[in-house]
Amino acid sequence: MSDILEELPALSRSYGLPASIVKTELNTESLYELEKISGDLPDIDWFNPNLDERLLLQIREALQSSSSQLLETLEIARETYNREGFCVFSLGPDIDRQDIDIIKKNLICLLSLLGSPFGAFFEKGFWQTLGVNQSALSYRAESTGYIPLHMDFDQASNPPDGVALFCLRPDPRGGGENTIFNYERFFELLSAEQLEQLRSVSYSYSTLYNQNGIGDLYNPHPLVDQKLFRYNGKVMPELDDPRTSLLFSALESYFKSASSIYKLEKGDMIVINQHKALHGRLPLAVKENVEYTAGTDRFLLQTYVRHCTLM
């Protein structure tokens, strides 16, 4: 354990600069084309966390028949997702002109290029809403403070392959940037012995309640499971073993310093490939004695992706 801790400063220098963020912006013609495809889709029951496979087939066939400009734009995003571990789509800031149902359909059209989108919570349906709650516990998605790098559902036997976050409203005070760390590049820097040290670490985090499509509770679970990095920095306050606690603290500092940073703007959707990257969030820009007002605070939609042969 001490070996990899001692080598982290050198590994940090070898990691190099974080990947730059390339936003896939859809121009007016491509947006119109996407909205036409969405408009032709049947009504979708968003209370159901699962989409009909026939619907996804209809979407993919429509996209394959779309213009070369739209296809080339979306292919760039898919290549970035597979290479860097994340991609960013932009529907533009003028999303208020559209009905929310069309916006959601636009998003599943984009996500269908990466796999099969699904909701991970039966009681929340397909989309989970993430607002701001100044009373929320630390490290919760609705909290205002720093959220460590993590894999979503590290404690599930079959975590989602992708995590999608769509921004309906950014933090009005300018905070809440997303952090993304490409752990695949990190693994390439490790010796076989160092990687084995990480594989030897196991821990437990939280539990599962009425989840959909992610398997069973997997606690305790290894930190490195095959090529999957089941790291979750949110567990740090709960770690009892001093060596494991020291390791997680050192890893979190390293990951944070080597992360790509991106602030979601209105109309942006970031998708993280959990087979390649971890994600987190910098603190919201909370001002003393200033309350967040309903309807003005940061507000996101979240859903998940299961990879398929399209990848």
Protein backbone atom coordinates (compact mmCIF):
# COMPACT_ATOMS: atom_id res chain seq x y z
CA MET A 1 0.00 0.00 0.00
CA SER A 2 2.76 2.43 0.93
CA ASP A 3 4.47 1.92 -2.43
CA ILE A 4 1.70 3.42 -4.49
CA LEU A 5 1.24 6.21 -1.96
CA GLU A 6 4.90 7.09 -2.29
CA GLU A 7 4.71 7.01 -6.08
CA LEU A 8 1.61 9.18 -6.48
CA PRO A 9 3.57 12.47 -6.87
CA ALA A 10 5.63 10.96 -9.69
CA LEU A 11 2.53 9.44 -11.26
CA SER A 12 0.87 12.84 -11.15
CA ARG A 13 3.71 14.34 -13.17
CA SER A 14 3.56 11.48 -15.67
CA TYR A 15 -0.21 11.78 -16.14
CA GLY A 16 0.17 15.01 -18.06
CA LEU A 17 -2.44 17.66 -18.68
CA PRO A 18 -6.15 16.84 -18.33
CA ALA A 19 -8.09 16.40 -21.55
CA SER A 20 -9.52 19.61 -22.92
CA ILE A 21 -13.29 19.81 -23.11
CA VAL A 22 -14.73 19.78 -26.62
CA LYS A 23 -18.41 20.67 -26.77
CA THR A 24 -20.48 19.15 -29.57
CA GLU A 25 -22.72 22.04 -30.57
CA LEU A 26 -25.63 21.36 -32.87
CA ASN A 27 -26.16 24.14 -35.41
CA THR A 28 -29.60 25.44 -36.36
CA GLU A 29 -30.09 22.93 -39.18
CA SER A 30 -29.00 19.96 -37.05
CA LEU A 31 -31.22 21.06 -34.15
CA TYR A 32 -34.19 21.36 -36.49
CA GLU A 33 -33.47 17.88 -37.84
CA LEU A 34 -33.19 16.43 -34.33
CA GLU A 35 -36.42 18.10 -33.26
CA LYS A 36 -38.17 16.68 -36.33
CA ILE A 37 -37.09 13.16 -35.31
CA SER A 38 -38.27 13.80 -31.74
CA GLY A 39 -41.58 15.20 -32.95
CA ASP A 40 -42.29 12.00 -34.88
CA LEU A 41 -41.82 9.83 -31.77
CA PRO A 42 -44.85 8.49 -29.89
CA ASP A 43 -45.72 9.72 -26.41
CA ILE A 44 -43.27 8.44 -23.79
CA ASP A 45 -44.22 7.50 -20.23
CA TRP A 46 -41.42 9.21 -18.30
CA PHE A 47 -42.62 7.56 -15.08
CA ASN A 48 -41.35 4.27 -16.51
CA PRO A 49 -37.55 4.00 -16.02
CA ASN A 50 -37.21 1.78 -19.10
CA LEU A 51 -37.69 2.73 -22.75
CA ASP A 52 -39.24 0.40 -25.29
CA GLU A 53 -36.53 -1.12 -27.48
CA ARG A 54 -38.77 -0.50 -30.50
CA LEU A 55 -38.62 3.20 -29.71
CA LEU A 56 -34.81 3.13 -29.64
CA LEU A 57 -34.79 1.24 -32.93
CA GLN A 58 -37.03 3.91 -34.46
CA ILE A 59 -34.69 6.64 -33.22
CA ARG A 60 -31.56 4.97 -34.53
CA GLU A 61 -33.08 4.30 -37.93
CA ALA A 62 -34.19 7.94 -38.17
CA LEU A 63 -30.73 9.17 -37.20
CA GLN A 64 -29.06 6.90 -39.75
CA SER A 65 -31.29 8.46 -42.41
CA SER A 66 -30.47 12.02 -41.33
CA SER A 67 -28.09 14.43 -43.04
CA SER A 68 -24.37 13.75 -43.21
CA GLN A 69 -23.77 16.96 -41.25
CA LEU A 70 -25.78 15.75 -38.25
CA LEU A 71 -24.27 12.27 -38.44
CA GLU A 72 -20.70 13.61 -38.59
CA THR A 73 -21.34 15.91 -35.64
CA LEU A 74 -22.73 13.10 -33.52
CA GLU A 75 -19.96 10.69 -34.53
CA ILE A 76 -17.36 13.17 -33.24
CA ALA A 77 -19.13 13.15 -29.87
CA ARG A 78 -19.23 9.35 -29.77
CA GLU A 79 -15.53 9.10 -30.61
CA THR A 80 -14.72 11.60 -27.85
CA TYR A 81 -16.83 9.61 -25.38
CA ASN A 82 -14.99 6.39 -26.20
CA ARG A 83 -11.56 8.01 -26.21
CA GLU A 84 -11.65 10.54 -23.36
CA GLY A 85 -14.34 8.96 -21.20
CA PHE A 86 -16.88 11.76 -21.59
CA CYS A 87 -18.51 14.02 -24.14
CA VAL A 88 -20.61 17.19 -24.04
CA PHE A 89 -23.62 17.87 -26.26
CA SER A 90 -25.18 21.32 -26.50
CA LEU A 91 -28.77 22.03 -27.49
CA GLY A 92 -27.98 25.71 -27.06
CA PRO A 93 -29.17 28.17 -24.40
CA ASP A 94 -32.49 28.86 -26.16
CA ILE A 95 -34.15 25.69 -24.86
CA ASP A 96 -37.04 27.57 -23.23
CA ARG A 97 -38.67 27.90 -26.65
CA GLN A 98 -39.21 24.13 -26.67
CA ASP A 99 -41.69 22.01 -24.78
CA ILE A 100 -39.88 20.01 -22.06
CA ASP A 101 -41.17 16.78 -23.59
CA ILE A 102 -39.43 17.55 -26.90
CA ILE A 103 -36.24 18.47 -25.03
CA LYS A 104 -36.28 15.11 -23.24
CA LYS A 105 -36.87 13.30 -26.52
CA ASN A 106 -33.97 15.21 -28.10
CA LEU A 107 -31.76 13.99 -25.28
CA ILE A 108 -32.70 10.33 -25.63
CA CYS A 109 -32.03 10.61 -29.37
CA LEU A 110 -28.49 11.75 -28.56
CA LEU A 111 -28.01 9.12 -25.85
CA SER A 112 -29.24 6.33 -28.12
CA LEU A 113 -26.00 6.73 -30.09
CA LEU A 114 -24.06 5.65 -27.00
CA GLY A 115 -26.29 2.79 -25.89
CA SER A 116 -29.70 2.21 -24.33
CA PRO A 117 -30.75 4.98 -21.91
CA PHE A 118 -32.59 3.99 -18.71
CA GLY A 119 -33.55 5.31 -15.30
CA ALA A 120 -31.89 3.69 -12.29
CA PHE A 121 -34.70 4.44 -9.81
CA PHE A 122 -38.13 2.83 -10.08
CA GLU A 123 -39.79 5.54 -7.99
CA LYS A 124 -38.19 8.42 -9.94
CA GLY A 125 -38.92 7.17 -13.43
CA PHE A 126 -36.66 7.76 -16.40
CA TRP A 127 -35.35 11.18 -15.34
CA GLN A 128 -34.01 12.08 -11.92
CA THR A 129 -34.16 15.79 -11.08
CA LEU A 130 -31.20 17.34 -9.25
CA GLY A 131 -31.87 20.69 -7.65
CA VAL A 132 -30.23 22.47 -4.71
CA ASN A 133 -30.89 21.82 -1.04
CA GLN A 134 -28.70 23.83 1.31
CA SER A 135 -29.63 21.45 4.14
CA ALA A 136 -28.60 18.31 2.23
CA LEU A 137 -25.92 16.09 3.72
CA SER A 138 -22.37 16.59 2.48
CA TYR A 139 -21.48 14.89 -0.81
CA ARG A 140 -25.14 14.50 -1.83
CA ALA A 141 -25.98 15.57 -5.39
CA GLU A 142 -28.33 18.30 -4.06
CA SER A 143 -25.75 19.67 -1.61
CA THR A 144 -23.86 22.91 -2.20
CA GLY A 145 -20.35 21.72 -1.27
CA TYR A 146 -17.62 19.79 -3.02
CA ILE A 147 -18.54 16.32 -4.33
CA PRO A 148 -15.51 14.00 -4.58
CA LEU A 149 -14.66 12.01 -7.70
CA HIS A 150 -16.69 8.82 -7.84
CA MET A 151 -18.36 6.13 -9.89
CA ASP A 152 -22.15 6.15 -9.73
CA PHE A 153 -23.43 2.95 -8.08
CA ASP A 154 -19.98 1.56 -7.30
CA GLN A 155 -21.81 -0.67 -4.79
CA ALA A 156 -23.99 -2.33 -7.47
CA SER A 157 -23.06 -5.58 -9.18
CA ASN A 158 -23.75 -4.03 -12.60
CA PRO A 159 -23.24 -0.25 -12.45
CA PRO A 160 -24.52 1.92 -15.30
CA ASP A 161 -22.06 2.19 -18.17
CA GLY A 162 -22.78 5.86 -18.71
CA VAL A 163 -24.07 8.78 -16.63
CA ALA A 164 -25.86 11.70 -18.33
CA LEU A 165 -26.41 15.13 -16.76
CA PHE A 166 -28.44 17.77 -18.61
CA CYS A 167 -28.41 21.39 -17.46
CA LEU A 168 -31.74 23.20 -17.44
CA ARG A 169 -30.29 25.95 -15.22
CA PRO A 170 -26.63 26.49 -14.25
CA ASP A 171 -25.58 27.84 -10.87
CA PRO A 172 -26.63 31.52 -11.07
CA ARG A 173 -23.60 32.45 -8.97
CA GLY A 174 -21.10 30.74 -11.26
CA GLY A 175 -20.02 27.62 -9.34
CA GLY A 176 -20.69 23.89 -9.59
CA GLU A 177 -18.17 22.94 -12.27
CA ASN A 178 -18.03 19.23 -13.11
CA THR A 179 -14.75 17.37 -12.62
CA ILE A 180 -13.85 14.38 -14.81
CA PHE A 181 -10.84 12.12 -14.28
CA ASN A 182 -9.77 9.58 -16.92
CA TYR A 183 -8.75 6.58 -14.81
CA GLU A 184 -7.90 4.50 -17.87
CA ARG A 185 -4.87 6.75 -18.44
CA PHE A 186 -4.04 6.44 -14.74
CA PHE A 187 -4.08 2.62 -14.92
CA GLU A 188 -1.67 2.72 -17.86
CA LEU A 189 0.89 4.46 -15.63
CA LEU A 190 0.73 1.83 -12.89
CA SER A 191 3.02 -1.15 -12.61
CA ALA A 192 1.48 -4.60 -12.24
CA GLU A 193 2.39 -4.51 -8.55
CA GLN A 194 0.76 -1.12 -7.99
CA LEU A 195 -2.40 -2.19 -9.77
CA GLU A 196 -2.50 -5.33 -7.65
CA GLN A 197 -2.25 -3.17 -4.52
CA LEU A 198 -5.38 -1.33 -5.60
CA ARG A 199 -7.14 -4.60 -6.41
CA SER A 200 -6.44 -5.83 -2.88
CA VAL A 201 -8.49 -2.98 -1.36
CA SER A 202 -12.17 -3.62 -0.61
CA TYR A 203 -14.76 -1.35 0.99
CA SER A 204 -18.50 -0.86 1.39
CA TYR A 205 -20.57 2.19 0.52
CA SER A 206 -24.24 2.91 1.19
CA THR A 207 -26.89 0.48 0.03
CA LEU A 208 -29.47 0.14 -2.75
CA TYR A 209 -33.19 0.91 -2.53
CA ASN A 210 -35.57 -0.26 -5.25
CA GLN A 211 -33.03 0.32 -8.03
CA ASN A 212 -33.59 -0.62 -11.67
CA GLY A 213 -31.23 -2.25 -14.13
CA ILE A 214 -28.03 -2.20 -12.08
CA GLY A 215 -27.98 -5.62 -10.46
CA ASP A 216 -27.72 -6.43 -6.78
CA LEU A 217 -25.95 -4.87 -3.81
CA TYR A 218 -22.22 -5.61 -4.00
CA ASN A 219 -20.72 -4.80 -0.59
CA PRO A 220 -17.94 -5.05 0.23
CA HIS A 221 -16.53 -4.63 -3.26
CA PRO A 222 -12.99 -4.34 -4.63
CA LEU A 223 -11.61 -0.94 -5.53
CA VAL A 224 -10.52 -2.32 -8.91
CA ASP A 225 -12.84 -4.95 -10.37
CA GLN A 226 -11.40 -6.32 -13.62
CA LYS A 227 -10.91 -3.04 -15.54
CA LEU A 228 -13.66 -1.21 -13.67
CA PHE A 229 -12.53 1.35 -11.11
CA ARG A 230 -15.12 1.25 -8.32
CA TYR A 231 -13.70 4.30 -6.59
CA ASN A 232 -16.02 6.56 -4.62
CA GLY A 233 -14.45 9.43 -2.72
CA LYS A 234 -17.75 10.08 -0.94
CA VAL A 235 -17.03 7.11 1.33
CA MET A 236 -14.02 8.81 2.97
CA PRO A 237 -15.77 9.94 6.19
CA GLU A 238 -16.99 6.36 6.73
CA LEU A 239 -13.68 4.52 6.30
CA ASP A 240 -12.49 2.85 9.50
CA ASP A 241 -9.23 1.33 8.29
CA PRO A 242 -6.44 3.96 8.59
CA ARG A 243 -4.48 2.63 5.59
CA THR A 244 -7.52 2.64 3.33
CA SER A 245 -8.48 6.10 4.55
CA LEU A 246 -4.98 7.40 3.80
CA LEU A 247 -5.06 5.84 0.33
CA PHE A 248 -8.45 7.33 -0.56
CA SER A 249 -7.39 10.76 0.68
CA ALA A 250 -4.21 10.66 -1.42
CA LEU A 251 -6.05 9.37 -4.48
CA GLU A 252 -8.73 12.05 -4.19
CA SER A 253 -6.11 14.81 -4.05
CA TYR A 254 -4.36 13.35 -7.08
CA PHE A 255 -7.54 12.82 -9.10
CA LYS A 256 -8.81 16.32 -8.33
CA SER A 257 -5.55 17.93 -9.46
CA ALA A 258 -5.52 15.92 -12.71
CA SER A 259 -9.20 16.31 -13.58
CA SER A 260 -10.74 18.06 -16.54
CA ILE A 261 -13.09 20.80 -15.37
CA TYR A 262 -16.23 21.86 -17.18
CA LYS A 263 -19.05 24.18 -16.18
CA LEU A 264 -22.35 23.05 -17.63
CA GLU A 265 -24.20 25.86 -19.37
CA LYS A 266 -27.90 25.97 -20.04
CA GLY A 267 -28.74 23.39 -22.71
CA ASP A 268 -25.57 21.31 -22.16
CA MET A 269 -25.54 17.57 -21.50
CA ILE A 270 -22.39 15.84 -20.29
CA VAL A 271 -22.17 12.05 -20.54
CA ILE A 272 -19.51 10.18 -18.54
CA ASN A 273 -18.27 6.74 -19.62
CA GLN A 274 -17.88 4.86 -16.33
CA HIS A 275 -15.55 2.32 -17.93
CA LYS A 276 -13.01 5.08 -18.43
CA ALA A 277 -13.71 8.01 -16.11
CA LEU A 278 -14.81 9.18 -12.67
CA HIS A 279 -16.78 12.37 -12.11
CA GLY A 280 -17.41 14.86 -9.32
CA ARG A 281 -18.37 18.49 -8.78
CA LEU A 282 -16.77 21.62 -7.39
CA PRO A 283 -18.76 23.59 -4.79
CA LEU A 284 -21.63 25.81 -5.79
CA ALA A 285 -20.90 29.50 -5.38
CA VAL A 286 -22.83 29.96 -2.16
CA LYS A 287 -22.90 33.49 -0.75
CA GLU A 288 -23.25 34.13 2.94
CA ASN A 289 -26.78 34.97 4.08
CA VAL A 290 -28.12 34.53 0.53
CA GLU A 291 -30.71 31.81 0.05
CA TYR A 292 -31.23 29.96 -3.21
CA THR A 293 -34.60 30.92 -4.66
CA ALA A 294 -36.81 28.23 -6.14
CA GLY A 295 -36.84 28.49 -9.90
CA THR A 296 -33.44 30.19 -10.11
CA ASP A 297 -31.02 27.67 -8.58
CA ARG A 298 -28.98 25.03 -10.43
CA PHE A 299 -31.28 22.40 -11.87
CA LEU A 300 -30.26 19.25 -13.76
CA LEU A 301 -31.85 16.16 -15.25
CA GLN A 302 -29.99 12.88 -14.80
CA THR A 303 -30.32 9.48 -16.42
CA TYR A 304 -28.10 6.54 -17.32
CA VAL A 305 -26.88 4.52 -20.30
CA ARG A 306 -26.28 0.82 -20.83
CA HIS A 307 -23.72 0.18 -23.56
CA CYS A 308 -24.61 -2.16 -26.40
CA THR A 309 -23.08 -3.35 -29.68
CA LEU A 310 -23.21 0.23 -30.98
CA MET A 311 -20.11 0.93 -28.89
